[in-house]
């Protein structure tokens, strides 16, 4: 009887811990998007004979620009 009570208690504690974990609510996109660009290999021998061009960073449009584009699309 003691082992049954212990198993039930352990099970309840595990279930409470399982239910308490996790993210609540809808997923939200990041506030600052990741920069787009070219990755470079980490293997030293892979880059010996290659010249990587410098690529300017690409940034996401600001909220004001997206609002203006949305308004222009709605007028069309």
PDB file of N, CA and C in Angstrom:
ATOM      1  N   UNK A   1       0.825  -1.195   0.000  1.00  0.00           N
ATOM      2  CA  UNK A   1       0.000   0.000   0.000  1.00  0.00           C
ATOM      3  C   UNK A   1       0.866   1.254   0.000  1.00  0.00           C
ATOM      4  N   UNK A   2       2.003   1.203   0.703  1.00  0.00           N
ATOM      5  CA  UNK A   2       2.890   2.363   0.745  1.00  0.00           C
ATOM      6  C   UNK A   2       3.472   2.664  -0.627  1.00  0.00           C
ATOM      7  N   UNK A   3       3.809   1.619  -1.358  1.00  0.00           N
ATOM      8  CA  UNK A   3       4.391   1.853  -2.686  1.00  0.00           C
ATOM      9  C   UNK A   3       3.360   2.437  -3.652  1.00  0.00           C
ATOM     10  N   UNK A   4       2.112   2.046  -3.528  1.00  0.00           N
ATOM     11  CA  UNK A   4       1.065   2.593  -4.392  1.00  0.00           C
ATOM     12  C   UNK A   4       0.881   4.087  -4.127  1.00  0.00           C
ATOM     13  N   UNK A   5       0.903   4.490  -2.852  1.00  0.00           N
ATOM     14  CA  UNK A   5       0.775   5.904  -2.509  1.00  0.00           C
ATOM     15  C   UNK A   5       1.963   6.692  -3.033  1.00  0.00           C
ATOM     16  N   UNK A   6       3.159   6.115  -2.921  1.00  0.00           N
ATOM     17  CA  UNK A   6       4.366   6.790  -3.417  1.00  0.00           C
ATOM     18  C   UNK A   6       4.303   6.968  -4.927  1.00  0.00           C
ATOM     19  N   UNK A   7       3.839   5.937  -5.615  1.00  0.00           N
ATOM     20  CA  UNK A   7       3.745   6.021  -7.075  1.00  0.00           C
ATOM     21  C   UNK A   7       2.734   7.087  -7.476  1.00  0.00           C
ATOM     22  N   UNK A   8       1.605   7.140  -6.781  1.00  0.00           N
ATOM     23  CA  UNK A   8       0.579   8.145  -7.086  1.00  0.00           C
ATOM     24  C   UNK A   8       1.104   9.546  -6.811  1.00  0.00           C
ATOM     25  N   UNK A   9       1.807   9.732  -5.708  1.00  0.00           N
ATOM     26  CA  UNK A   9       2.364  11.053  -5.370  1.00  0.00           C
ATOM     27  C   UNK A   9       3.402  11.470  -6.397  1.00  0.00           C
ATOM     28  N   UNK A  10       4.289  10.571  -6.768  1.00  0.00           N
ATOM     29  CA  UNK A  10       5.316  10.892  -7.771  1.00  0.00           C
ATOM     30  C   UNK A  10       4.656  11.227  -9.107  1.00  0.00           C
ATOM     31  N   UNK A  11       3.638  10.449  -9.475  1.00  0.00           N
ATOM     32  CA  UNK A  11       2.919  10.711 -10.722  1.00  0.00           C
ATOM     33  C   UNK A  11       2.253  12.092 -10.695  1.00  0.00           C
ATOM     34  N   UNK A  12       1.615  12.441  -9.596  1.00  0.00           N
ATOM     35  CA  UNK A  12       0.952  13.753  -9.496  1.00  0.00           C
ATOM     36  C   UNK A  12       1.954  14.898  -9.555  1.00  0.00           C
ATOM     37  N   UNK A  13       3.082  14.743  -8.889  1.00  0.00           N
ATOM     38  CA  UNK A  13       4.115  15.785  -8.924  1.00  0.00           C
ATOM     39  C   UNK A  13       4.646  15.940 -10.347  1.00  0.00           C
ATOM     40  N   UNK A  14       4.864  14.808 -11.019  1.00  0.00           N
ATOM     41  CA  UNK A  14       5.353  14.863 -12.395  1.00  0.00           C
ATOM     42  C   UNK A  14       4.332  15.537 -13.313  1.00  0.00           C
ATOM     43  N   UNK A  15       3.062  15.255 -13.132  1.00  0.00           N
ATOM     44  CA  UNK A  15       2.033  15.857 -13.976  1.00  0.00           C
ATOM     45  C   UNK A  15       1.902  17.350 -13.724  1.00  0.00           C
ATOM     46  N   UNK A  16       2.013  17.766 -12.478  1.00  0.00           N
ATOM     47  CA  UNK A  16       1.951  19.200 -12.165  1.00  0.00           C
ATOM     48  C   UNK A  16       3.134  19.917 -12.803  1.00  0.00           C
ATOM     49  N   UNK A  17       4.313  19.304 -12.730  1.00  0.00           N
ATOM     50  CA  UNK A  17       5.494  19.895 -13.366  1.00  0.00           C
ATOM     51  C   UNK A  17       5.362  19.941 -14.872  1.00  0.00           C
ATOM     52  N   UNK A  18       4.767  18.916 -15.448  1.00  0.00           N
ATOM     53  CA  UNK A  18       4.589  18.870 -16.897  1.00  0.00           C
ATOM     54  C   UNK A  18       3.585  19.917 -17.363  1.00  0.00           C
ATOM     55  N   UNK A  19       2.525  20.105 -16.639  1.00  0.00           N
ATOM     56  CA  UNK A  19       1.505  21.078 -17.017  1.00  0.00           C
ATOM     57  C   UNK A  19       2.020  22.502 -16.820  1.00  0.00           C
ATOM     58  N   UNK A  20       2.871  22.712 -15.842  1.00  0.00           N
ATOM     59  CA  UNK A  20       3.371  24.050 -15.544  1.00  0.00           C
ATOM     60  C   UNK A  20       4.419  24.555 -16.518  1.00  0.00           C
ATOM     61  N   UNK A  21       4.982  23.686 -17.334  1.00  0.00           N
ATOM     62  CA  UNK A  21       6.026  24.083 -18.276  1.00  0.00           C
ATOM     63  C   UNK A  21       5.404  24.516 -19.597  1.00  0.00           C
ATOM     64  N   UNK A  22       6.141  25.362 -20.322  1.00  0.00           N
ATOM     65  CA  UNK A  22       5.707  25.713 -21.668  1.00  0.00           C
ATOM     66  C   UNK A  22       5.458  27.192 -21.847  1.00  0.00           C
ATOM     67  N   UNK A  23       5.257  27.569 -23.089  1.00  0.00           N
ATOM     68  CA  UNK A  23       5.030  28.962 -23.459  1.00  0.00           C
ATOM     69  C   UNK A  23       3.532  29.176 -23.594  1.00  0.00           C
ATOM     70  N   UNK A  24       3.062  30.266 -23.082  1.00  0.00           N
ATOM     71  CA  UNK A  24       1.643  30.571 -23.132  1.00  0.00           C
ATOM     72  C   UNK A  24       1.367  31.565 -24.262  1.00  0.00           C
ATOM     73  N   UNK A  25       0.234  31.472 -24.875  1.00  0.00           N
ATOM     74  CA  UNK A  25      -0.194  32.448 -25.868  1.00  0.00           C
ATOM     75  C   UNK A  25       0.231  32.098 -27.278  1.00  0.00           C
ATOM     76  N   UNK A  26      -0.145  32.972 -28.208  1.00  0.00           N
ATOM     77  CA  UNK A  26       0.157  32.787 -29.618  1.00  0.00           C
ATOM     78  C   UNK A  26       1.622  33.100 -29.894  1.00  0.00           C
ATOM     79  N   UNK A  27       2.221  32.455 -30.890  1.00  0.00           N
ATOM     80  CA  UNK A  27       3.607  32.780 -31.239  1.00  0.00           C
ATOM     81  C   UNK A  27       3.693  34.178 -31.836  1.00  0.00           C
ATOM     82  N   UNK A  28       4.754  34.889 -31.515  1.00  0.00           N
ATOM     83  CA  UNK A  28       4.954  36.258 -31.963  1.00  0.00           C
ATOM     84  C   UNK A  28       6.278  36.329 -32.717  1.00  0.00           C
ATOM     85  N   UNK A  29       6.331  37.034 -33.849  1.00  0.00           N
ATOM     86  CA  UNK A  29       7.602  37.155 -34.566  1.00  0.00           C
ATOM     87  C   UNK A  29       8.579  38.014 -33.771  1.00  0.00           C
ATOM     88  N   UNK A  30       9.874  37.868 -34.020  1.00  0.00           N
ATOM     89  CA  UNK A  30      10.856  38.657 -33.271  1.00  0.00           C
ATOM     90  C   UNK A  30      10.733  40.145 -33.591  1.00  0.00           C
ATOM     91  N   UNK A  31      11.081  40.989 -32.623  1.00  0.00           N
ATOM     92  CA  UNK A  31      11.000  42.437 -32.832  1.00  0.00           C
ATOM     93  C   UNK A  31      12.035  42.896 -33.850  1.00  0.00           C
ATOM     94  N   UNK A  32      13.239  42.327 -33.780  1.00  0.00           N
ATOM     95  CA  UNK A  32      14.302  42.671 -34.707  1.00  0.00           C
ATOM     96  C   UNK A  32      14.619  41.426 -35.524  1.00  0.00           C
ATOM     97  N   UNK A  33      14.332  41.430 -36.835  1.00  0.00           N
ATOM     98  CA  UNK A  33      14.605  40.239 -37.632  1.00  0.00           C
ATOM     99  C   UNK A  33      16.103  40.001 -37.793  1.00  0.00           C
ATOM    100  N   UNK A  34      16.464  38.781 -38.038  1.00  0.00           N
ATOM    101  CA  UNK A  34      17.867  38.436 -38.235  1.00  0.00           C
ATOM    102  C   UNK A  34      18.362  39.020 -39.554  1.00  0.00           C
ATOM    103  N   UNK A  35      19.640  39.383 -39.590  1.00  0.00           N
ATOM    104  CA  UNK A  35      20.224  39.918 -40.812  1.00  0.00           C
ATOM    105  C   UNK A  35      20.345  38.804 -41.841  1.00  0.00           C
ATOM    106  N   UNK A  36      20.099  39.167 -43.083  1.00  0.00           N
ATOM    107  CA  UNK A  36      20.270  38.220 -44.170  1.00  0.00           C
ATOM    108  C   UNK A  36      21.670  38.395 -44.745  1.00  0.00           C
ATOM    109  N   UNK A  37      22.317  37.331 -45.058  1.00  0.00           N
ATOM    110  CA  UNK A  37      23.654  37.434 -45.620  1.00  0.00           C
ATOM    111  C   UNK A  37      24.192  36.071 -45.963  1.00  0.00           C
ATOM    112  N   UNK A  38      25.473  36.031 -46.279  1.00  0.00           N
ATOM    113  CA  UNK A  38      26.113  34.777 -46.636  1.00  0.00           C
ATOM    114  C   UNK A  38      26.943  34.283 -45.461  1.00  0.00           C
ATOM    115  N   UNK A  39      26.772  33.032 -45.154  1.00  0.00           N
ATOM    116  CA  UNK A  39      27.591  32.430 -44.117  1.00  0.00           C
ATOM    117  C   UNK A  39      28.935  32.019 -44.680  1.00  0.00           C
ATOM    118  N   UNK A  40      29.916  31.922 -43.834  1.00  0.00           N
ATOM    119  CA  UNK A  40      31.236  31.492 -44.267  1.00  0.00           C
ATOM    120  C   UNK A  40      31.557  30.179 -43.577  1.00  0.00           C
ATOM    121  N   UNK A  41      32.164  29.247 -44.301  1.00  0.00           N
ATOM    122  CA  UNK A  41      32.471  27.952 -43.701  1.00  0.00           C
ATOM    123  C   UNK A  41      33.488  28.075 -42.580  1.00  0.00           C
ATOM    124  N   UNK A  42      33.383  27.198 -41.607  1.00  0.00           N
ATOM    125  CA  UNK A  42      34.315  27.227 -40.484  1.00  0.00           C
ATOM    126  C   UNK A  42      35.532  26.348 -40.726  1.00  0.00           C
ATOM    127  N   UNK A  43      35.460  25.480 -41.714  1.00  0.00           N
ATOM    128  CA  UNK A  43      36.590  24.612 -42.027  1.00  0.00           C
ATOM    129  C   UNK A  43      37.682  25.445 -42.675  1.00  0.00           C
ATOM    130  N   UNK A  44      38.893  25.433 -42.118  1.00  0.00           N
ATOM    131  CA  UNK A  44      39.978  26.298 -42.550  1.00  0.00           C
ATOM    132  C   UNK A  44      40.364  26.035 -44.011  1.00  0.00           C
ATOM    133  N   UNK A  45      40.436  24.772 -44.415  1.00  0.00           N
ATOM    134  CA  UNK A  45      40.849  24.443 -45.772  1.00  0.00           C
ATOM    135  C   UNK A  45      39.843  24.835 -46.833  1.00  0.00           C
ATOM    136  N   UNK A  46      38.613  25.060 -46.454  1.00  0.00           N
ATOM    137  CA  UNK A  46      37.576  25.387 -47.427  1.00  0.00           C
ATOM    138  C   UNK A  46      37.709  26.791 -47.968  1.00  0.00           C
ATOM    139  N   UNK A  47      38.360  27.687 -47.243  1.00  0.00           N
ATOM    140  CA  UNK A  47      38.425  29.090 -47.664  1.00  0.00           C
ATOM    141  C   UNK A  47      39.795  29.504 -48.173  1.00  0.00           C
ATOM    142  N   UNK A  48      40.701  28.574 -48.355  1.00  0.00           N
ATOM    143  CA  UNK A  48      42.058  28.957 -48.757  1.00  0.00           C
ATOM    144  C   UNK A  48      42.102  29.604 -50.131  1.00  0.00           C
ATOM    145  N   UNK A  49      41.380  29.089 -51.098  1.00  0.00           N
ATOM    146  CA  UNK A  49      41.449  29.599 -52.472  1.00  0.00           C
ATOM    147  C   UNK A  49      40.220  30.410 -52.859  1.00  0.00           C
ATOM    148  N   UNK A  50      39.390  30.785 -51.920  1.00  0.00           N
ATOM    149  CA  UNK A  50      38.177  31.525 -52.221  1.00  0.00           C
ATOM    150  C   UNK A  50      38.231  32.930 -51.641  1.00  0.00           C
ATOM    151  N   UNK A  51      37.695  33.874 -52.388  1.00  0.00           N
ATOM    152  CA  UNK A  51      37.581  35.248 -51.891  1.00  0.00           C
ATOM    153  C   UNK A  51      36.099  35.544 -51.724  1.00  0.00           C
ATOM    154  N   UNK A  52      35.700  35.847 -50.516  1.00  0.00           N
ATOM    155  CA  UNK A  52      34.304  36.156 -50.242  1.00  0.00           C
ATOM    156  C   UNK A  52      34.065  37.652 -50.426  1.00  0.00           C
ATOM    157  N   UNK A  53      33.066  38.008 -51.235  1.00  0.00           N
ATOM    158  CA  UNK A  53      32.767  39.435 -51.383  1.00  0.00           C
ATOM    159  C   UNK A  53      32.087  39.969 -50.125  1.00  0.00           C
ATOM    160  N   UNK A  54      32.277  41.246 -49.905  1.00  0.00           N
ATOM    161  CA  UNK A  54      31.586  41.854 -48.761  1.00  0.00           C
ATOM    162  C   UNK A  54      30.171  42.204 -49.214  1.00  0.00           C
ATOM    163  N   UNK A  55      29.212  41.685 -48.511  1.00  0.00           N
ATOM    164  CA  UNK A  55      27.806  41.900 -48.840  1.00  0.00           C
ATOM    165  C   UNK A  55      27.228  42.867 -47.821  1.00  0.00           C
ATOM    166  N   UNK A  56      26.610  43.961 -48.280  1.00  0.00           N
ATOM    167  CA  UNK A  56      26.025  44.891 -47.307  1.00  0.00           C
ATOM    168  C   UNK A  56      24.860  44.231 -46.587  1.00  0.00           C
ATOM    169  N   UNK A  57      24.656  44.577 -45.323  1.00  0.00           N
ATOM    170  CA  UNK A  57      23.548  43.975 -44.573  1.00  0.00           C
ATOM    171  C   UNK A  57      22.194  44.400 -45.138  1.00  0.00           C
ATOM    172  N   UNK A  58      21.217  43.513 -45.028  1.00  0.00           N
ATOM    173  CA  UNK A  58      19.859  43.786 -45.497  1.00  0.00           C
ATOM    174  C   UNK A  58      18.970  43.875 -44.264  1.00  0.00           C
ATOM    175  N   UNK A  59      18.315  44.989 -44.108  1.00  0.00           N
ATOM    176  CA  UNK A  59      17.467  45.211 -42.943  1.00  0.00           C
ATOM    177  C   UNK A  59      16.000  45.146 -43.345  1.00  0.00           C
ATOM    178  N   UNK A  60      15.183  44.737 -42.429  1.00  0.00           N
ATOM    179  CA  UNK A  60      13.745  44.684 -42.671  1.00  0.00           C
ATOM    180  C   UNK A  60      13.188  46.100 -42.682  1.00  0.00           C
ATOM    181  N   UNK A  61      12.104  46.340 -43.427  1.00  0.00           N
ATOM    182  CA  UNK A  61      11.517  47.681 -43.461  1.00  0.00           C
ATOM    183  C   UNK A  61      10.945  48.069 -42.102  1.00  0.00           C
ATOM    184  N   UNK A  62      10.973  49.358 -41.847  1.00  0.00           N
ATOM    185  CA  UNK A  62      10.428  49.839 -40.576  1.00  0.00           C
ATOM    186  C   UNK A  62       8.911  49.796 -40.632  1.00  0.00           C
ATOM    187  N   UNK A  63       8.305  49.988 -39.498  1.00  0.00           N
ATOM    188  CA  UNK A  63       6.847  49.916 -39.432  1.00  0.00           C
ATOM    189  C   UNK A  63       6.195  51.053 -40.217  1.00  0.00           C
ATOM    190  N   UNK A  64       6.838  52.219 -40.278  1.00  0.00           N
ATOM    191  CA  UNK A  64       6.273  53.335 -41.026  1.00  0.00           C
ATOM    192  C   UNK A  64       6.235  53.011 -42.517  1.00  0.00           C
ATOM    193  N   UNK A  65       7.320  52.382 -43.012  1.00  0.00           N
ATOM    194  CA  UNK A  65       7.356  52.030 -44.427  1.00  0.00           C
ATOM    195  C   UNK A  65       6.290  50.994 -44.759  1.00  0.00           C
ATOM    196  N   UNK A  66       6.097  50.039 -43.877  1.00  0.00           N
ATOM    197  CA  UNK A  66       5.091  49.009 -44.142  1.00  0.00           C
ATOM    198  C   UNK A  66       3.685  49.610 -44.111  1.00  0.00           C
ATOM    199  N   UNK A  67       3.460  50.579 -43.227  1.00  0.00           N
ATOM    200  CA  UNK A  67       2.151  51.233 -43.176  1.00  0.00           C
ATOM    201  C   UNK A  67       1.875  51.994 -44.471  1.00  0.00           C
ATOM    202  N   UNK A  68       2.905  52.702 -44.986  1.00  0.00           N
ATOM    203  CA  UNK A  68       2.735  53.459 -46.221  1.00  0.00           C
ATOM    204  C   UNK A  68       2.452  52.521 -47.390  1.00  0.00           C
ATOM    205  N   UNK A  69       3.162  51.393 -47.449  1.00  0.00           N
ATOM    206  CA  UNK A  69       2.939  50.434 -48.529  1.00  0.00           C
ATOM    207  C   UNK A  69       1.534  49.844 -48.449  1.00  0.00           C
ATOM    208  N   UNK A  70       1.086  49.581 -47.224  1.00  0.00           N
ATOM    209  CA  UNK A  70      -0.249  49.005 -47.041  1.00  0.00           C
ATOM    210  C   UNK A  70      -1.317  50.001 -47.507  1.00  0.00           C
ATOM    211  N   UNK A  71      -1.146  51.264 -47.135  1.00  0.00           N
ATOM    212  CA  UNK A  71      -2.098  52.292 -47.554  1.00  0.00           C
ATOM    213  C   UNK A  71      -2.107  52.434 -49.072  1.00  0.00           C
ATOM    214  N   UNK A  72      -0.939  52.391 -49.699  1.00  0.00           N
ATOM    215  CA  UNK A  72      -0.846  52.527 -51.153  1.00  0.00           C
ATOM    216  C   UNK A  72      -1.519  51.322 -51.824  1.00  0.00           C
ATOM    217  N   UNK A  73      -1.353  50.139 -51.283  1.00  0.00           N
ATOM    218  CA  UNK A  73      -1.985  48.942 -51.846  1.00  0.00           C
ATOM    219  C   UNK A  73      -3.500  48.990 -51.706  1.00  0.00           C
ATOM    220  N   UNK A  74      -3.988  49.546 -50.596  1.00  0.00           N
ATOM    221  CA  UNK A  74      -5.428  49.641 -50.377  1.00  0.00           C
ATOM    222  C   UNK A  74      -6.085  50.656 -51.319  1.00  0.00           C
ATOM    223  N   UNK A  75      -5.353  51.699 -51.693  1.00  0.00           N
ATOM    224  CA  UNK A  75      -5.890  52.723 -52.596  1.00  0.00           C
ATOM    225  C   UNK A  75      -6.025  52.182 -54.016  1.00  0.00           C
ATOM    226  N   UNK A  76      -5.206  51.215 -54.383  1.00  0.00           N
ATOM    227  CA  UNK A  76      -5.249  50.669 -55.749  1.00  0.00           C
ATOM    228  C   UNK A  76      -6.430  49.863 -55.969  1.00  0.00           C
TER     229      UNK A  76
END
